[in-house]
Amino acid sequence: MLSLEALPLGTPARIAAVAGPSPFVERMKELGLVEGTVVTVLRRSLFGGTLQIRYGNGTLAVRLPFASAIRVEPVSQPLHQHEPLWQAV
């Protein structure tokens, strides 16, 4: 298990645990970042302050101190990852 902060770019991983103060854990639940959610790091900010992650049908910027409190386990293929309902042609 590793932190979300340490997850390589483009590697899907399943959230195994969210640690930290109760308000932080509650906020992550509100955003849908709970155990079992599949996330992928899309990019890191230039100076290393935030990560942009994809989960479900959305993206989110996460500060590194928060990303280090989210423990993940890499997966070979994300389960229940939704494909876009439409694609530009």
C-alpha atoms as a PDB file:
ATOM      1  CA  MET A   1       0.000   0.000   0.000  1.00  0.00           C
ATOM      2  CA  LEU A   2       1.286   3.487  -0.815  1.00  0.00           C
ATOM      3  CA  SER A   3       0.086   7.050  -0.518  1.00  0.00           C
ATOM      4  CA  LEU A   4      -1.790   8.771  -3.322  1.00  0.00           C
ATOM      5  CA  GLU A   5       1.117  11.229  -3.408  1.00  0.00           C
ATOM      6  CA  ALA A   6       3.513   8.386  -4.367  1.00  0.00           C
ATOM      7  CA  LEU A   7       1.251   6.842  -7.027  1.00  0.00           C
ATOM      8  CA  PRO A   8       2.857   7.011 -10.499  1.00  0.00           C
ATOM      9  CA  LEU A   9       1.079   9.051 -13.171  1.00  0.00           C
ATOM     10  CA  GLY A  10      -1.573   7.114 -15.068  1.00  0.00           C
ATOM     11  CA  THR A  11      -1.640   4.154 -12.667  1.00  0.00           C
ATOM     12  CA  PRO A  12      -5.156   3.278 -11.500  1.00  0.00           C
ATOM     13  CA  ALA A  13      -5.421   2.496  -7.798  1.00  0.00           C
ATOM     14  CA  ARG A  14      -8.164   1.700  -5.336  1.00  0.00           C
ATOM     15  CA  ILE A  15      -8.442   3.775  -2.157  1.00  0.00           C
ATOM     16  CA  ALA A  16      -7.682   1.501   0.801  1.00  0.00           C
ATOM     17  CA  ALA A  17      -7.885   4.065   3.623  1.00  0.00           C
ATOM     18  CA  VAL A  18      -8.331   7.765   4.298  1.00  0.00           C
ATOM     19  CA  ALA A  19      -6.552   8.926   7.457  1.00  0.00           C
ATOM     20  CA  GLY A  20      -6.451  12.264   9.195  1.00  0.00           C
ATOM     21  CA  PRO A  21      -8.614  14.556  11.273  1.00  0.00           C
ATOM     22  CA  SER A  22     -12.341  13.859  11.268  1.00  0.00           C
ATOM     23  CA  PRO A  23     -13.248  16.997   9.223  1.00  0.00           C
ATOM     24  CA  PHE A  24     -10.791  15.934   6.503  1.00  0.00           C
ATOM     25  CA  VAL A  25     -12.148  12.370   6.386  1.00  0.00           C
ATOM     26  CA  GLU A  26     -15.733  13.684   6.250  1.00  0.00           C
ATOM     27  CA  ARG A  27     -14.855  16.072   3.410  1.00  0.00           C
ATOM     28  CA  MET A  28     -13.286  13.239   1.428  1.00  0.00           C
ATOM     29  CA  LYS A  29     -16.499  11.215   1.929  1.00  0.00           C
ATOM     30  CA  GLU A  30     -18.568  14.155   0.652  1.00  0.00           C
ATOM     31  CA  LEU A  31     -16.383  14.266  -2.460  1.00  0.00           C
ATOM     32  CA  GLY A  32     -16.713  10.511  -3.008  1.00  0.00           C
ATOM     33  CA  LEU A  33     -13.118   9.667  -2.112  1.00  0.00           C
ATOM     34  CA  VAL A  34     -13.882   6.648   0.054  1.00  0.00           C
ATOM     35  CA  GLU A  35     -12.500   3.125   0.399  1.00  0.00           C
ATOM     36  CA  GLY A  36     -12.953   1.214  -2.846  1.00  0.00           C
ATOM     37  CA  THR A  37     -12.989   4.270  -5.131  1.00  0.00           C
ATOM     38  CA  VAL A  38     -10.635   3.930  -8.119  1.00  0.00           C
ATOM     39  CA  VAL A  39      -8.418   6.975  -8.701  1.00  0.00           C
ATOM     40  CA  THR A  40      -5.733   7.871 -11.243  1.00  0.00           C
ATOM     41  CA  VAL A  41      -3.156  10.657 -10.936  1.00  0.00           C
ATOM     42  CA  LEU A  42      -3.398  12.696 -14.133  1.00  0.00           C
ATOM     43  CA  ARG A  43      -0.676  15.289 -13.456  1.00  0.00           C
ATOM     44  CA  ARG A  44       1.448  16.929 -10.825  1.00  0.00           C
ATOM     45  CA  SER A  45       1.749  20.689 -10.500  1.00  0.00           C
ATOM     46  CA  LEU A  46       4.966  22.304 -11.690  1.00  0.00           C
ATOM     47  CA  PHE A  47       6.256  23.015  -8.190  1.00  0.00           C
ATOM     48  CA  GLY A  48       4.807  19.880  -6.603  1.00  0.00           C
ATOM     49  CA  GLY A  49       2.036  21.460  -4.540  1.00  0.00           C
ATOM     50  CA  THR A  50      -0.960  19.560  -5.919  1.00  0.00           C
ATOM     51  CA  LEU A  51      -2.021  16.483  -7.856  1.00  0.00           C
ATOM     52  CA  GLN A  52      -4.841  16.371 -10.365  1.00  0.00           C
ATOM     53  CA  ILE A  53      -6.706  13.090  -9.983  1.00  0.00           C
ATOM     54  CA  ARG A  54      -9.508  11.411 -11.892  1.00  0.00           C
ATOM     55  CA  TYR A  55     -12.159   9.382 -10.112  1.00  0.00           C
ATOM     56  CA  GLY A  56     -15.611   8.376 -11.271  1.00  0.00           C
ATOM     57  CA  ASN A  57     -16.684  10.895 -13.900  1.00  0.00           C
ATOM     58  CA  GLY A  58     -14.738  13.851 -12.529  1.00  0.00           C
ATOM     59  CA  THR A  59     -11.369  15.299 -11.661  1.00  0.00           C
ATOM     60  CA  LEU A  60     -10.087  17.027  -8.560  1.00  0.00           C
ATOM     61  CA  ALA A  61      -6.944  18.899  -7.492  1.00  0.00           C
ATOM     62  CA  VAL A  62      -5.605  17.533  -4.200  1.00  0.00           C
ATOM     63  CA  ARG A  63      -2.894  19.211  -2.114  1.00  0.00           C
ATOM     64  CA  LEU A  64       0.072  16.983  -1.332  1.00  0.00           C
ATOM     65  CA  PRO A  65      -0.447  16.907   2.463  1.00  0.00           C
ATOM     66  CA  PHE A  66      -3.962  15.575   1.829  1.00  0.00           C
ATOM     67  CA  ALA A  67      -2.769  13.166  -0.872  1.00  0.00           C
ATOM     68  CA  SER A  68      -0.245  11.692   1.565  1.00  0.00           C
ATOM     69  CA  ALA A  69      -3.117  10.848   3.971  1.00  0.00           C
ATOM     70  CA  ILE A  70      -4.930   8.784   1.316  1.00  0.00           C
ATOM     71  CA  ARG A  71      -3.605   5.214   1.084  1.00  0.00           C
ATOM     72  CA  VAL A  72      -4.082   3.360  -2.208  1.00  0.00           C
ATOM     73  CA  GLU A  73      -3.400  -0.041  -3.755  1.00  0.00           C
ATOM     74  CA  PRO A  74      -2.603  -0.166  -7.498  1.00  0.00           C
ATOM     75  CA  VAL A  75      -5.012  -2.245  -9.587  1.00  0.00           C
ATOM     76  CA  SER A  76      -4.501  -3.833 -12.990  1.00  0.00           C
ATOM     77  CA  GLN A  77      -7.858  -2.607 -14.296  1.00  0.00           C
ATOM     78  CA  PRO A  78     -10.266  -0.260 -12.553  1.00  0.00           C
ATOM     79  CA  LEU A  79     -13.601  -1.858 -11.705  1.00  0.00           C
ATOM     80  CA  HIS A  80     -16.812   0.097 -12.241  1.00  0.00           C
ATOM     81  CA  GLN A  81     -14.910   2.895 -14.009  1.00  0.00           C
ATOM     82  CA  HIS A  82     -17.468   4.688 -16.124  1.00  0.00           C
ATOM     83  CA  GLU A  83     -16.720   5.375 -19.756  1.00  0.00           C
ATOM     84  CA  PRO A  84     -17.829   8.717 -21.205  1.00  0.00           C
ATOM     85  CA  LEU A  85     -21.430   8.602 -22.375  1.00  0.00           C
ATOM     86  CA  TRP A  86     -20.474  10.563 -25.482  1.00  0.00           C
ATOM     87  CA  GLN A  87     -17.328  11.281 -27.455  1.00  0.00           C
ATOM     88  CA  ALA A  88     -16.445  14.209 -29.662  1.00  0.00           C
ATOM     89  CA  VAL A  89     -16.138  13.292 -33.321  1.00  0.00           C
END
